[in-house]
Protein backbone atom coordinates (compact mmCIF):
# COMPACT_ATOMS: atom_id res chain seq x y z
CA MET A 1 4.10 -27.22 -11.95
CA GLU A 2 7.34 -25.25 -12.36
CA PHE A 3 5.97 -22.38 -10.23
CA GLU A 4 5.11 -24.79 -7.44
CA GLN A 5 8.63 -26.24 -7.50
CA LEU A 6 10.17 -22.76 -7.35
CA VAL A 7 7.91 -21.81 -4.45
CA ASN A 8 8.69 -24.97 -2.51
CA ARG A 9 12.41 -24.43 -3.00
CA HIS A 10 12.46 -20.78 -1.89
CA LYS A 11 9.46 -20.07 0.34
CA ASP A 12 11.22 -20.67 3.68
CA ALA A 13 14.08 -18.29 2.88
CA VAL A 14 11.64 -15.68 1.57
CA TYR A 15 9.45 -16.09 4.66
CA ARG A 16 12.44 -15.40 6.95
CA GLN A 17 13.16 -12.22 5.03
CA MET A 18 9.51 -11.17 5.25
CA VAL A 19 9.59 -11.61 9.05
CA ARG A 20 12.52 -9.19 9.15
CA ALA A 21 10.86 -6.77 6.72
CA CYS A 22 7.42 -6.79 8.33
CA GLY A 23 8.49 -7.13 11.95
CA ASN A 24 6.27 -10.06 12.95
CA GLN A 25 5.30 -13.54 11.84
CA ALA A 26 1.59 -12.92 11.29
CA ASP A 27 2.19 -10.06 8.87
CA ALA A 28 5.03 -11.99 7.21
CA GLU A 29 2.67 -14.92 6.51
CA ASP A 30 0.06 -12.62 4.97
CA VAL A 31 2.68 -10.75 2.94
CA LEU A 32 4.19 -14.01 1.68
CA GLN A 33 0.77 -15.19 0.50
CA ASP A 34 0.11 -11.90 -1.28
CA ALA A 35 3.61 -11.94 -2.77
CA LEU A 36 3.12 -15.50 -4.06
CA LEU A 37 -0.18 -14.52 -5.65
CA ASN A 38 1.38 -11.45 -7.26
CA ALA A 39 4.36 -13.50 -8.43
CA TYR A 40 2.09 -16.11 -9.99
CA ARG A 41 0.19 -13.42 -11.86
CA ALA A 42 3.41 -11.83 -13.11
CA LEU A 43 5.43 -15.01 -13.70
CA ASP A 44 5.71 -14.26 -17.41
CA THR A 45 7.74 -11.12 -16.54
CA LEU A 46 10.44 -13.14 -14.76
CA ARG A 47 13.33 -13.36 -17.18
CA ASP A 48 15.72 -15.56 -15.20
CA ARG A 49 14.27 -18.45 -13.20
CA ALA A 50 17.51 -18.55 -11.17
CA ALA A 51 16.60 -15.12 -9.79
CA PHE A 52 13.19 -16.30 -8.52
CA GLN A 53 14.03 -15.95 -4.83
CA ALA A 54 15.35 -12.39 -5.15
CA TRP A 55 12.37 -11.49 -7.35
CA LEU A 56 9.91 -12.92 -4.83
CA VAL A 57 11.65 -11.11 -1.96
CA ARG A 58 11.35 -7.82 -3.87
CA ILE A 59 7.64 -8.43 -4.45
CA GLY A 60 7.19 -9.28 -0.77
CA ARG A 61 9.00 -6.16 0.39
CA ASN A 62 6.79 -4.06 -1.88
CA VAL A 63 3.67 -5.69 -0.45
CA CYS A 64 4.95 -5.08 3.08
CA THR A 65 5.70 -1.43 2.31
CA ARG A 66 2.23 -0.88 0.83
CA ARG A 67 0.64 -2.44 3.90
CA ARG A 68 2.62 -0.14 6.20
CA MET A 69 1.60 2.91 4.15
CA LYS A 70 -2.07 1.96 4.35
CA GLU A 71 -1.76 1.29 8.08
CA ALA A 72 -0.14 4.70 8.56
CA LEU A 73 -3.15 6.39 6.95
CA ARG A 74 -5.73 4.22 8.72
CA PRO A 75 -5.69 6.16 12.04
CA ILE A 76 -6.53 9.33 10.18
CA LEU A 77 -9.35 7.82 8.14
CA ASP A 78 -10.82 5.47 10.75
CA LEU A 79 -10.86 7.52 13.94
CA PRO A 80 -13.21 5.83 16.40
CA VAL A 81 -16.13 7.85 17.63
CA PRO A 82 -16.97 6.66 21.18
CA ASP A 83 -20.69 7.49 21.09
CA MET A 84 -21.08 5.57 17.83
CA LEU A 85 -19.43 2.54 19.42
CA ALA A 86 -21.85 2.77 22.32
CA GLY A 87 -24.77 2.61 19.91
CA THR A 88 -26.11 6.04 20.73
CA GLY A 89 -25.42 7.50 17.31
CA PRO A 90 -23.03 10.27 16.48
CA SER A 91 -23.09 13.35 18.66
CA ALA A 92 -22.94 16.75 17.03
CA GLU A 93 -19.35 17.18 18.25
CA SER A 94 -18.11 13.81 16.92
CA GLN A 95 -19.87 14.43 13.62
CA MET A 96 -18.13 17.80 13.31
CA ILE A 97 -14.75 16.21 14.08
CA ARG A 98 -15.31 13.52 11.46
CA GLU A 99 -16.35 16.14 8.90
CA ASP A 100 -13.28 18.26 9.72
CA ILE A 101 -10.99 15.28 9.21
CA GLY A 102 -12.71 14.40 5.94
CA ARG A 103 -12.36 17.98 4.70
CA CYS A 104 -8.68 18.03 5.68
CA VAL A 105 -7.90 14.77 3.85
CA LYS A 106 -9.85 15.88 0.76
CA ALA A 107 -8.15 19.27 0.78
CA ALA A 108 -4.73 17.64 1.12
CA LEU A 109 -5.48 15.37 -1.84
CA GLN A 110 -6.87 18.24 -3.89
CA GLY A 111 -3.78 20.30 -3.06
CA LEU A 112 -1.57 17.79 -4.84
CA PRO A 113 -0.64 18.26 -8.49
CA GLN A 114 -2.96 16.27 -10.78
CA GLY A 115 -0.29 13.65 -11.61
CA ASP A 116 0.49 13.04 -7.94
CA ARG A 117 -3.17 12.83 -6.99
CA ARG A 118 -3.88 10.39 -9.82
CA VAL A 119 -1.02 8.03 -8.92
CA ILE A 120 -2.18 7.95 -5.27
CA GLU A 121 -5.74 7.24 -6.39
CA LEU A 122 -4.65 4.37 -8.63
CA ARG A 123 -2.14 2.72 -6.29
CA ASP A 124 -3.45 3.45 -2.77
CA MET A 125 -7.17 3.90 -3.24
CA GLU A 126 -7.95 1.59 -6.15
CA GLY A 127 -5.19 -0.89 -5.29
CA LEU A 128 -3.74 -1.18 -8.79
CA THR A 129 -0.34 -2.79 -9.22
CA ALA A 130 2.55 -0.64 -10.43
CA PRO A 131 2.41 -2.13 -13.96
CA ALA A 132 -1.35 -1.58 -14.14
CA ALA A 133 -1.01 2.01 -12.91
CA ALA A 134 1.83 2.60 -15.38
CA HIS A 135 -0.37 1.37 -18.21
CA GLU A 136 -3.27 3.56 -17.06
CA LEU A 137 -1.03 6.64 -16.79
CA GLY A 138 0.96 5.90 -19.94
CA ILE A 139 4.29 5.98 -18.12
CA THR A 140 6.91 3.43 -17.07
CA VAL A 141 6.79 1.40 -13.86
CA PRO A 142 9.87 3.20 -12.45
CA ALA A 143 8.16 6.52 -13.18
CA VAL A 144 5.06 5.34 -11.28
CA LYS A 145 7.20 4.37 -8.29
CA SER A 146 9.05 7.68 -8.31
CA ARG A 147 5.88 9.72 -8.70
CA LEU A 148 4.13 7.72 -5.96
CA HIS A 149 7.01 8.26 -3.54
CA ARG A 150 6.96 12.03 -4.19
CA ALA A 151 3.17 12.18 -3.99
CA ARG A 152 3.01 10.34 -0.66
CA ALA A 153 5.67 12.64 0.79
CA ARG A 154 3.72 15.72 -0.32
CA LEU A 155 0.47 14.31 1.03
CA ARG A 156 2.13 13.49 4.35
CA ARG A 157 3.48 17.06 4.65
CA GLN A 158 0.05 18.53 3.91
CA LEU A 159 -1.67 16.24 6.41
CA ASP A 160 0.94 17.06 9.06
CA THR A 161 0.19 20.77 8.76
CA CYS A 162 -3.55 20.12 8.83
CA PHE A 163 -3.50 17.96 11.99
CA ARG A 164 -1.16 20.12 14.09
């Protein structure tokens, strides 16, 4: 009951901040729902109930950032193949392109140090939360965030050189 009261008191202000963070209302609504679910799951970690709004905003911004990261990688991983869309099956050329892209992404991931590769696998591929990834890796949540930031930057640089 207390969680519901906190949500009702702060959801409008948090929603407005999510619109600014995400750039549109549809994404802000989805992010707010995900943030509320994450907040409910982690409510026992909230030390000061007076800080609920700021805490929920932080969770929402993290959700929004993760969504943007996944969307940034989606064009690379989900390139449309016109002949497949037409129902004619993949041509030899489109199959080769898809295989080249797959090899490039795999090589970029393999080129990362083991710790960087593992944190990307846990957070971006398996979808684990930062606390869950920290537990799995045996490190702190701030260390997971720092390592993930470095790992994504390295992966981005490697993919940039591959796709030029």
